[in-house]
Amino acid sequence: MPPSPSTRPQAAAPPLRDRGDACPGALRLHRATDGHLARVRLPAGDLTARQAGALADAADLLGDGHLSLTSRGNVELRGLAEGCGGRLAALLRDAGLLPSERHERIRNILASPLAGLDRHTPSDVRRWARELDALLCASESATALSGRFLFVLDDGRGDVAALGGDVSLLAEPAGDRSGPAGGALLRVGDDAAALRIAGPDAPRAALAAAEAFLTAAAASGSGAWRVRELPDGHGLTARDVAAALRSAGIAATYVAEAPAPGARTSLPYADSAAPGIVEGPDDDRALSVLAPLGRLSAAQWRLLAAIAAGDGSGALRLTPWRGIVLPGLPAAAAPRRLAELTTAGLITDPASPWHRLGACTGRPGCAKSLTDVRADATAALAAGAAVPDGLPTGPAPEGLPVYWSGCARRCGHPHGTWIDVLATAEGYRAALVGPDTAPTAARPAAPPPTAPAPAP
């Protein structure tokens, strides 16, 4: 029996947007059933230990004592009280997390979390992220971007290139492939073509591409928030962006057959989605850990900040896999600190059953959810499986993400191919979904019984 429309994501025609984007931010709070929600944008996921401490203070003083990590490397504060917006803004402003209040929702920049940390990657994309953020915050026209428009900066390993960027930069290494990036390929939306540009021009080119999108969206009359929403006849292509770059004085070479987004090279890059110790040059190490179901207590968050300040470089990097990277630890300290984070309940081992398990907010935080998916996912894991009975495709391929959703919107679900566990009025349904999967039948599976959770 073929799946119903509610069983799996369906392709749809681009919507006609007849209103402004209501995506939440740090200043525009969203009213949820568990209180107000604030989403704090962190370009490239970068935080200082002091800024991390300020977010922990906000969670304790104003929210529910927890921090949620998003699939774009940002942070959400939930359970905020009515009327706390001014106090929250002041706290974030003092921590340097609001460089421009008019631009705070559009600072959506994903960058490869391990860039510059392992032995084979350039660090340029992190510098590009900082430069692009400064350009965005100085641009009057950029304030018209929606809170959903996404910039993606990939260091060449292919980890973030396939995560749905509206404007993507893929670093091209120079010479020996281990030094600074020699240039970048710029892509827009799903266009198969790309533009080759010089490395120093990458941030300006990304902003020019976003401004070209705003021009195309205005001409289409569609109110599009993202490149993929532009209607037929008004789409944005690499050739269109090339003209915008010429007008901005940026040289670009058209590449008709660019590498597919997410294509990996043969270099032995570290897996930026996996927890553990990342070996860098000489004595440098980084710790990569994940938050169970994307949630951290303020105490866990403060421990991460303390390790970053004490043994690390004083910085944290959030990842789109709802994880945290702590750079700059000496090799001798890394195992001890990783063990400390394990004891604190974070995911530190790729073999952990919590690795690649995700869930939306669910009840009680979301009124649209049909159930408490986090509790159900935890109970299923305690019963010995991340997926309830009923997956119609037989054994799933190794290493695929499993994502539990409380309704058909599937907020925060992974990109690529993944195992979809969807709550419906009849119970959970499970299916293998993704761009390369054929439609499959999905049989109902009853919610799992409540059980204690295994340790991460």
Protein backbone atom coordinates (compact mmCIF):
# COMPACT_ATOMS: atom_id res chain seq x y z
CA MET A 1 0.00 0.00 0.00
CA PRO A 2 1.57 3.34 -1.00
CA PRO A 3 2.20 5.89 1.72
CA SER A 4 -0.33 8.59 2.39
CA PRO A 5 0.68 12.25 1.93
CA SER A 6 1.26 12.50 5.69
CA THR A 7 3.69 9.58 5.70
CA ARG A 8 6.69 11.10 3.94
CA PRO A 9 7.89 14.49 2.71
CA GLN A 10 6.41 15.47 -0.64
CA ALA A 11 7.73 17.81 -3.30
CA ALA A 12 5.58 20.91 -3.71
CA ALA A 13 5.35 23.92 -5.97
CA PRO A 14 7.09 27.02 -4.60
CA PRO A 15 4.71 28.87 -2.28
CA LEU A 16 3.44 32.38 -2.89
CA ARG A 17 4.53 34.31 0.18
CA ASP A 18 1.97 36.99 0.95
CA ARG A 19 3.40 37.98 4.33
CA GLY A 20 6.73 38.68 5.95
CA ASP A 21 8.84 35.93 7.42
CA ALA A 22 7.94 35.32 11.08
CA CYS A 23 11.01 33.19 11.83
CA PRO A 24 11.94 33.74 15.50
CA GLY A 25 15.10 35.52 16.56
CA ALA A 26 16.78 36.86 19.64
CA LEU A 27 14.58 39.96 19.60
CA ARG A 28 11.46 38.61 17.90
CA LEU A 29 10.32 35.90 20.31
CA HIS A 30 7.98 33.08 19.32
CA ARG A 31 5.10 32.12 21.61
CA ALA A 32 5.14 28.33 22.19
CA THR A 33 3.06 26.21 24.52
CA ASP A 34 5.95 25.99 27.02
CA GLY A 35 6.59 29.74 27.02
CA HIS A 36 8.37 32.06 24.62
CA LEU A 37 11.24 30.90 22.40
CA ALA A 38 14.30 32.86 21.29
CA ARG A 39 16.66 31.76 18.52
CA VAL A 40 20.15 33.25 18.80
CA ARG A 41 22.09 33.24 15.50
CA LEU A 42 25.74 32.25 15.81
CA PRO A 43 27.45 32.65 12.42
CA ALA A 44 29.61 29.57 11.75
CA GLY A 45 28.52 28.36 15.20
CA ASP A 46 31.30 30.42 16.79
CA LEU A 47 31.19 31.33 20.48
CA THR A 48 33.70 32.49 23.06
CA ALA A 49 33.61 30.85 26.47
CA ARG A 50 32.33 34.14 27.91
CA GLN A 51 29.48 34.25 25.39
CA ALA A 52 28.61 30.64 26.18
CA GLY A 53 28.41 31.60 29.84
CA ALA A 54 26.03 34.44 29.00
CA LEU A 55 23.73 32.00 27.19
CA ALA A 56 23.76 29.68 30.20
CA ASP A 57 22.83 32.64 32.39
CA ALA A 58 19.95 33.48 30.06
CA ALA A 59 18.67 29.90 30.18
CA ASP A 60 18.81 29.84 33.99
CA LEU A 61 17.55 33.34 34.72
CA LEU A 62 14.94 33.74 31.99
CA GLY A 63 14.19 30.30 30.51
CA ASP A 64 13.75 26.66 31.44
CA GLY A 65 17.40 26.01 32.31
CA HIS A 66 18.22 24.28 29.04
CA LEU A 67 19.65 25.19 25.63
CA SER A 68 18.57 23.61 22.35
CA LEU A 69 20.98 23.27 19.43
CA THR A 70 19.54 23.70 15.95
CA SER A 71 20.36 22.09 12.60
CA ARG A 72 22.00 25.39 11.55
CA GLY A 73 24.41 25.57 14.46
CA ASN A 74 22.36 28.13 16.38
CA VAL A 75 20.99 28.12 19.94
CA GLU A 76 17.39 28.28 21.15
CA LEU A 77 16.21 29.34 24.58
CA ARG A 78 12.80 27.99 25.58
CA GLY A 79 10.35 28.58 28.40
CA LEU A 80 11.00 32.33 28.41
CA ALA A 81 8.58 34.37 30.48
CA GLU A 82 6.28 37.03 29.11
CA GLY A 83 7.97 40.41 29.03
CA CYS A 84 11.57 39.19 29.36
CA GLY A 85 12.61 40.32 25.87
CA GLY A 86 14.32 43.49 27.08
CA ARG A 87 16.40 41.67 29.70
CA LEU A 88 17.37 38.99 27.19
CA ALA A 89 18.42 41.58 24.61
CA ALA A 90 20.55 43.42 27.16
CA LEU A 91 22.27 40.22 28.24
CA LEU A 92 23.03 39.21 24.64
CA ARG A 93 24.15 42.72 23.72
CA ASP A 94 26.60 42.83 26.64
CA ALA A 95 28.06 39.50 25.50
CA GLY A 96 28.63 40.76 21.95
CA LEU A 97 25.98 38.47 20.48
CA LEU A 98 23.95 41.29 18.90
CA PRO A 99 26.39 43.22 16.66
CA SER A 100 23.43 44.60 14.66
CA GLU A 101 19.91 44.33 15.97
CA ARG A 102 18.43 45.03 12.51
CA HIS A 103 20.36 42.09 11.04
CA GLU A 104 20.20 39.56 13.88
CA ARG A 105 17.76 37.13 12.17
CA ILE A 106 19.63 37.03 8.85
CA ARG A 107 23.03 36.02 10.22
CA ASN A 108 22.51 32.44 9.04
CA ILE A 109 25.99 31.19 8.13
CA LEU A 110 27.00 27.53 8.30
CA ALA A 111 30.69 26.65 8.02
CA SER A 112 32.61 23.38 8.24
CA PRO A 113 33.08 22.92 12.02
CA LEU A 114 36.51 21.26 11.78
CA ALA A 115 38.03 23.70 9.28
CA GLY A 116 41.63 24.32 10.27
CA LEU A 117 41.55 21.77 13.08
CA ASP A 118 42.57 18.52 11.39
CA ARG A 119 45.60 17.96 9.22
CA HIS A 120 44.17 18.40 5.74
CA THR A 121 41.87 21.40 5.78
CA PRO A 122 42.32 25.12 5.26
CA SER A 123 40.98 27.52 7.83
CA ASP A 124 39.90 30.13 5.31
CA VAL A 125 36.20 29.32 5.44
CA ARG A 126 36.06 30.34 9.09
CA ARG A 127 37.67 33.66 8.18
CA TRP A 128 35.21 33.97 5.29
CA ALA A 129 32.36 33.46 7.75
CA ARG A 130 33.55 36.33 9.95
CA GLU A 131 34.03 38.62 6.94
CA LEU A 132 30.64 37.70 5.47
CA ASP A 133 28.93 38.35 8.80
CA ALA A 134 30.51 41.80 8.98
CA LEU A 135 29.42 42.54 5.40
CA LEU A 136 25.86 41.40 6.15
CA CYS A 137 25.63 43.55 9.26
CA ALA A 138 26.84 46.59 7.27
CA SER A 139 24.44 46.05 4.34
CA GLU A 140 21.17 47.97 4.25
CA SER A 141 19.75 45.79 1.47
CA ALA A 142 20.52 42.57 3.38
CA THR A 143 17.88 43.45 5.98
CA ALA A 144 15.30 42.34 3.39
CA LEU A 145 16.53 38.72 3.54
CA SER A 146 14.31 36.29 5.41
CA GLY A 147 15.35 34.59 8.61
CA ARG A 148 15.49 31.33 6.66
CA PHE A 149 17.96 32.38 3.94
CA LEU A 150 21.14 30.31 4.44
CA PHE A 151 24.80 30.78 3.55
CA VAL A 152 26.95 27.63 3.56
CA LEU A 153 30.77 27.65 3.60
CA ASP A 154 32.40 24.24 3.03
CA ASP A 155 36.14 23.73 3.55
CA GLY A 156 36.32 21.04 0.85
CA ARG A 157 35.41 17.96 2.86
CA GLY A 158 31.78 18.08 1.73
CA ASP A 159 30.28 18.07 5.22
CA VAL A 160 28.02 21.13 4.97
CA ALA A 161 27.84 21.65 1.19
CA ALA A 162 24.72 19.49 0.90
CA LEU A 163 22.79 21.08 3.78
CA GLY A 164 20.49 23.19 1.65
CA GLY A 165 22.32 26.48 1.29
CA ASP A 166 20.82 29.32 -0.73
CA VAL A 167 24.34 30.61 -1.40
CA SER A 168 27.17 28.10 -0.96
CA LEU A 169 30.94 28.51 -1.10
CA LEU A 170 33.11 25.40 -1.55
CA ALA A 171 36.78 26.03 -0.82
CA GLU A 172 39.27 24.87 -3.44
CA PRO A 173 42.67 24.14 -1.88
CA ALA A 174 45.81 25.62 -3.34
CA GLY A 175 48.94 23.67 -4.28
CA ASP A 176 49.49 20.87 -1.79
CA ARG A 177 45.80 20.79 -0.74
CA SER A 178 46.69 21.32 2.91
CA GLY A 179 47.33 25.06 2.98
CA PRO A 180 45.03 28.07 2.65
CA ALA A 181 42.17 27.84 0.20
CA GLY A 182 43.19 28.99 -3.24
CA GLY A 183 39.69 29.92 -4.31
CA ALA A 184 36.05 28.97 -4.06
CA LEU A 185 33.19 27.62 -6.10
CA LEU A 186 30.03 29.64 -5.57
CA ARG A 187 26.65 27.95 -6.06
CA VAL A 188 23.10 29.24 -5.73
CA GLY A 189 20.21 27.00 -4.74
CA ASP A 190 20.09 23.76 -6.71
CA ASP A 191 21.82 25.07 -9.85
CA ALA A 192 24.27 22.42 -11.10
CA ALA A 193 26.63 25.10 -12.41
CA ALA A 194 28.94 27.21 -10.29
CA LEU A 195 31.26 30.21 -10.43
CA ARG A 196 34.97 29.97 -9.62
CA ILE A 197 36.19 33.01 -7.71
CA ALA A 198 39.37 34.02 -5.92
CA GLY A 199 39.50 33.26 -2.20
CA PRO A 200 39.77 36.89 -1.04
CA ASP A 201 36.62 37.71 -3.02
CA ALA A 202 34.50 34.91 -1.52
CA PRO A 203 32.66 36.87 1.22
CA ARG A 204 31.82 39.81 -1.10
CA ALA A 205 30.68 37.39 -3.78
CA ALA A 206 28.35 35.61 -1.35
CA LEU A 207 26.72 38.90 -0.35
CA ALA A 208 26.38 39.93 -4.03
CA ALA A 209 24.66 36.60 -4.76
CA ALA A 210 22.20 37.20 -1.90
CA GLU A 211 21.46 40.68 -3.25
CA ALA A 212 20.88 39.15 -6.70
CA PHE A 213 18.33 36.85 -5.06
CA LEU A 214 16.51 39.83 -3.55
CA THR A 215 16.33 41.42 -7.01
CA ALA A 216 14.96 38.20 -8.52
CA ALA A 217 12.42 37.77 -5.72
CA ALA A 218 11.17 41.32 -6.13
CA ALA A 219 10.84 40.89 -9.91
CA SER A 220 8.90 37.62 -9.47
CA GLY A 221 6.34 39.13 -7.11
CA SER A 222 6.36 35.81 -5.25
CA GLY A 223 7.60 37.08 -1.91
CA ALA A 224 10.07 34.18 -1.95
CA TRP A 225 12.12 33.69 1.18
CA ARG A 226 14.65 31.27 -0.34
CA VAL A 227 16.24 30.62 -3.75
CA ARG A 228 14.30 27.37 -4.23
CA GLU A 229 11.02 29.25 -3.81
CA LEU A 230 11.53 31.45 -6.86
CA PRO A 231 8.88 30.54 -9.47
CA ASP A 232 9.62 29.24 -12.96
CA GLY A 233 10.87 31.99 -15.20
CA HIS A 234 12.35 33.90 -12.26
CA GLY A 235 14.88 31.41 -10.91
CA LEU A 236 18.37 32.46 -9.91
CA THR A 237 21.24 30.71 -11.71
CA ALA A 238 25.02 30.92 -11.68
CA ARG A 239 24.89 32.95 -14.91
CA ASP A 240 22.58 35.48 -13.27
CA VAL A 241 24.93 35.79 -10.32
CA ALA A 242 27.92 36.17 -12.68
CA ALA A 243 26.37 39.37 -14.00
CA ALA A 244 25.89 40.66 -10.45
CA LEU A 245 29.51 39.87 -9.65
CA ARG A 246 30.75 41.73 -12.71
CA SER A 247 28.77 44.77 -11.59
CA ALA A 248 30.48 44.50 -8.19
CA GLY A 249 33.92 44.24 -9.79
CA ILE A 250 34.40 40.58 -8.81
CA ALA A 251 35.99 38.27 -11.38
CA ALA A 252 34.29 34.90 -11.87
CA THR A 253 34.67 31.92 -14.21
CA TYR A 254 31.59 29.93 -15.16
CA VAL A 255 31.83 26.19 -14.37
CA ALA A 256 29.09 24.23 -16.11
CA GLU A 257 29.73 20.91 -14.36
CA ALA A 258 30.73 21.67 -10.80
CA PRO A 259 31.14 18.90 -8.21
CA ALA A 260 27.85 17.84 -6.66
CA PRO A 261 27.11 19.43 -3.28
CA GLY A 262 28.48 17.17 -0.56
CA ALA A 263 30.86 15.30 -2.88
CA ARG A 264 33.75 14.11 -0.76
CA THR A 265 37.38 13.93 -1.77
CA SER A 266 39.89 11.12 -1.24
CA LEU A 267 41.74 13.07 1.45
CA PRO A 268 41.49 11.57 4.96
CA TYR A 269 39.38 14.31 6.47
CA ALA A 270 38.04 13.83 9.98
CA ASP A 271 34.28 13.20 10.17
CA SER A 272 32.84 16.45 11.53
CA ALA A 273 29.54 14.77 12.45
CA ALA A 274 31.16 12.14 14.69
CA PRO A 275 31.98 12.59 18.38
CA GLY A 276 35.43 11.95 19.77
CA ILE A 277 38.95 13.40 19.71
CA VAL A 278 40.07 15.16 16.53
CA GLU A 279 43.80 15.00 15.88
CA GLY A 280 45.31 18.20 14.61
CA PRO A 281 48.86 19.17 13.72
CA ASP A 282 51.59 18.67 16.31
CA ASP A 283 50.14 18.48 19.82
CA ASP A 284 46.78 20.09 19.02
CA ARG A 285 43.55 18.24 19.68
CA ALA A 286 39.86 19.15 19.48
CA LEU A 287 36.95 17.53 21.28
CA SER A 288 33.76 16.87 19.36
CA VAL A 289 30.66 15.97 21.37
CA LEU A 290 26.94 15.80 20.68
CA ALA A 291 23.92 16.82 22.75
CA PRO A 292 21.39 14.00 23.29
CA LEU A 293 18.38 14.90 21.11
CA GLY A 294 19.90 18.35 20.74
CA ARG A 295 19.26 19.51 24.33
CA LEU A 296 21.76 20.55 26.99
CA SER A 297 21.26 21.62 30.56
CA ALA A 298 22.83 24.88 31.63
CA ALA A 299 25.21 22.84 33.83
CA GLN A 300 26.42 20.78 30.85
CA TRP A 301 26.78 23.95 28.81
CA ARG A 302 28.85 25.61 31.55
CA LEU A 303 31.13 22.57 31.73
CA LEU A 304 31.81 22.89 28.01
CA ALA A 305 32.60 26.58 28.44
CA ALA A 306 34.90 25.84 31.39
CA ILE A 307 36.88 23.25 29.40
CA ALA A 308 37.15 25.67 26.48
CA ALA A 309 38.47 28.38 28.79
CA GLY A 310 40.69 26.12 30.89
CA ASP A 311 42.35 23.68 28.48
CA GLY A 312 41.14 24.83 25.09
CA SER A 313 41.47 27.94 22.96
CA GLY A 314 38.67 29.77 24.77
CA ALA A 315 36.27 29.10 21.88
CA LEU A 316 33.39 26.74 21.09
CA ARG A 317 32.01 25.79 17.69
CA LEU A 318 28.45 24.55 17.32
CA THR A 319 27.72 22.09 14.52
CA PRO A 320 24.64 21.46 12.36
CA TRP A 321 24.52 17.96 13.88
CA ARG A 322 23.59 19.49 17.22
CA GLY A 323 27.09 19.11 18.52
CA ILE A 324 29.90 21.18 20.00
CA VAL A 325 33.57 21.29 19.06
CA LEU A 326 36.16 22.51 21.56
CA PRO A 327 39.40 23.41 19.71
CA GLY A 328 42.94 23.88 20.97
CA LEU A 329 43.37 21.28 23.70
CA PRO A 330 46.81 19.74 24.35
CA ALA A 331 47.00 16.03 23.51
CA ALA A 332 47.61 15.08 27.15
CA ALA A 333 44.42 16.78 28.38
CA ALA A 334 42.02 15.63 25.65
CA PRO A 335 41.20 12.06 26.90
CA ARG A 336 40.62 13.23 30.47
CA ARG A 337 38.35 16.06 29.38
CA LEU A 338 36.42 13.78 27.01
CA ALA A 339 35.82 11.34 29.88
CA GLU A 340 34.54 14.23 31.99
CA LEU A 341 32.03 15.13 29.28
CA THR A 342 30.95 11.49 29.03
CA THR A 343 30.23 11.45 32.75
CA ALA A 344 28.23 14.66 32.34
CA GLY A 345 25.89 12.92 29.89
CA LEU A 346 27.12 14.15 26.51
CA ILE A 347 27.60 11.86 23.50
CA THR A 348 31.34 11.29 23.10
CA ASP A 349 31.54 7.90 21.33
CA PRO A 350 30.52 7.24 17.70
CA ALA A 351 29.25 3.81 18.84
CA SER A 352 26.73 5.38 21.24
CA PRO A 353 23.11 4.48 20.42
CA TRP A 354 22.32 8.20 20.76
CA HIS A 355 24.61 9.07 17.87
CA ARG A 356 22.54 10.11 14.80
CA LEU A 357 19.28 9.98 16.77
CA GLY A 358 17.25 13.18 16.58
CA ALA A 359 13.77 14.48 17.34
CA CYS A 360 11.73 17.64 16.97
CA THR A 361 10.56 19.56 20.03
CA GLY A 362 7.29 17.62 20.32
CA ARG A 363 4.92 17.99 23.24
CA PRO A 364 4.65 19.85 25.52
CA GLY A 365 6.66 22.55 23.76
CA CYS A 366 4.88 22.42 20.39
CA ALA A 367 1.10 22.64 20.07
CA LYS A 368 1.16 21.02 16.62
CA SER A 369 2.87 17.85 17.82
CA LEU A 370 0.70 14.79 18.36
CA THR A 371 2.88 13.36 21.13
CA ASP A 372 5.98 13.73 23.27
CA VAL A 373 8.37 12.43 20.62
CA ARG A 374 11.48 12.95 22.75
CA ALA A 375 10.14 10.73 25.51
CA ASP A 376 9.02 8.14 22.94
CA ALA A 377 12.39 8.15 21.15
CA THR A 378 14.18 7.78 24.49
CA ALA A 379 11.95 4.87 25.47
CA ALA A 380 12.50 3.16 22.13
CA LEU A 381 16.25 3.45 22.58
CA ALA A 382 15.97 2.02 26.10
CA ALA A 383 14.03 -0.89 24.61
CA GLY A 384 16.93 -1.61 22.28
CA ALA A 385 16.12 0.12 18.98
CA ALA A 386 16.24 3.69 17.68
CA VAL A 387 13.37 2.85 15.30
CA PRO A 388 10.06 1.25 16.35
CA ASP A 389 8.87 -1.90 14.62
CA GLY A 390 7.37 -1.29 11.20
CA LEU A 391 10.18 0.02 9.01
CA PRO A 392 8.99 -1.33 5.65
CA THR A 393 12.30 -1.39 3.84
CA GLY A 394 13.95 -4.06 5.94
CA PRO A 395 17.29 -3.34 7.59
CA ALA A 396 18.25 0.28 7.05
CA PRO A 397 21.69 1.15 5.68
CA GLU A 398 24.32 1.60 8.37
CA GLY A 399 24.95 5.08 9.68
CA LEU A 400 21.74 6.79 8.56
CA PRO A 401 20.23 9.43 10.84
CA VAL A 402 16.99 8.48 12.57
CA TYR A 403 14.61 11.38 13.15
CA TRP A 404 11.38 11.37 15.16
CA SER A 405 8.74 13.97 14.26
CA GLY A 406 5.56 14.88 16.08
CA CYS A 407 3.73 16.03 12.95
CA ALA A 408 4.07 16.08 9.17
CA ARG A 409 6.06 19.34 9.21
CA ARG A 410 9.11 17.37 10.42
CA CYS A 411 10.83 20.48 11.78
CA GLY A 412 14.62 20.17 11.90
CA HIS A 413 14.83 16.87 10.01
CA PRO A 414 18.17 15.84 8.46
CA HIS A 415 19.18 16.44 4.86
CA GLY A 416 19.96 13.65 2.43
CA THR A 417 18.69 10.14 3.16
CA TRP A 418 17.35 9.40 6.62
CA ILE A 419 14.91 7.23 8.55
CA ASP A 420 11.69 9.12 9.17
CA VAL A 421 9.72 8.16 12.30
CA LEU A 422 6.49 10.14 12.10
CA ALA A 423 3.71 10.44 14.66
CA THR A 424 0.24 10.14 13.16
CA ALA A 425 -3.25 9.83 14.62
CA GLU A 426 -2.93 6.04 14.18
CA GLY A 427 0.49 5.72 15.79
CA TYR A 428 4.05 6.05 14.53
CA ARG A 429 4.96 5.34 10.93
CA ALA A 430 8.53 4.67 9.81
CA ALA A 431 10.01 4.98 6.33
CA LEU A 432 13.32 5.45 4.58
CA VAL A 433 13.21 8.82 2.82
CA GLY A 434 15.53 11.06 0.87
CA PRO A 435 16.29 12.40 -2.59
CA ASP A 436 17.45 9.03 -3.92
CA THR A 437 14.86 6.74 -2.33
CA ALA A 438 11.89 5.30 -4.17
CA PRO A 439 8.46 5.63 -2.52
CA THR A 440 7.99 2.89 0.05
CA ALA A 441 5.10 1.58 2.07
CA ALA A 442 5.09 2.65 5.71
CA ARG A 443 3.32 0.53 8.29
CA PRO A 444 2.07 1.89 11.61
CA ALA A 445 4.06 1.16 14.73
CA ALA A 446 2.67 1.71 18.19
CA PRO A 447 4.49 4.17 20.45
CA PRO A 448 7.08 2.36 22.58
CA PRO A 449 6.51 1.85 26.28
CA THR A 450 8.08 4.21 28.74
CA ALA A 451 11.47 3.00 29.92
CA PRO A 452 14.64 4.43 31.45
CA ALA A 453 17.04 5.91 28.95
CA PRO A 454 20.42 4.33 28.34
CA ALA A 455 23.44 6.50 29.02
CA PRO A 456 24.77 8.44 26.02
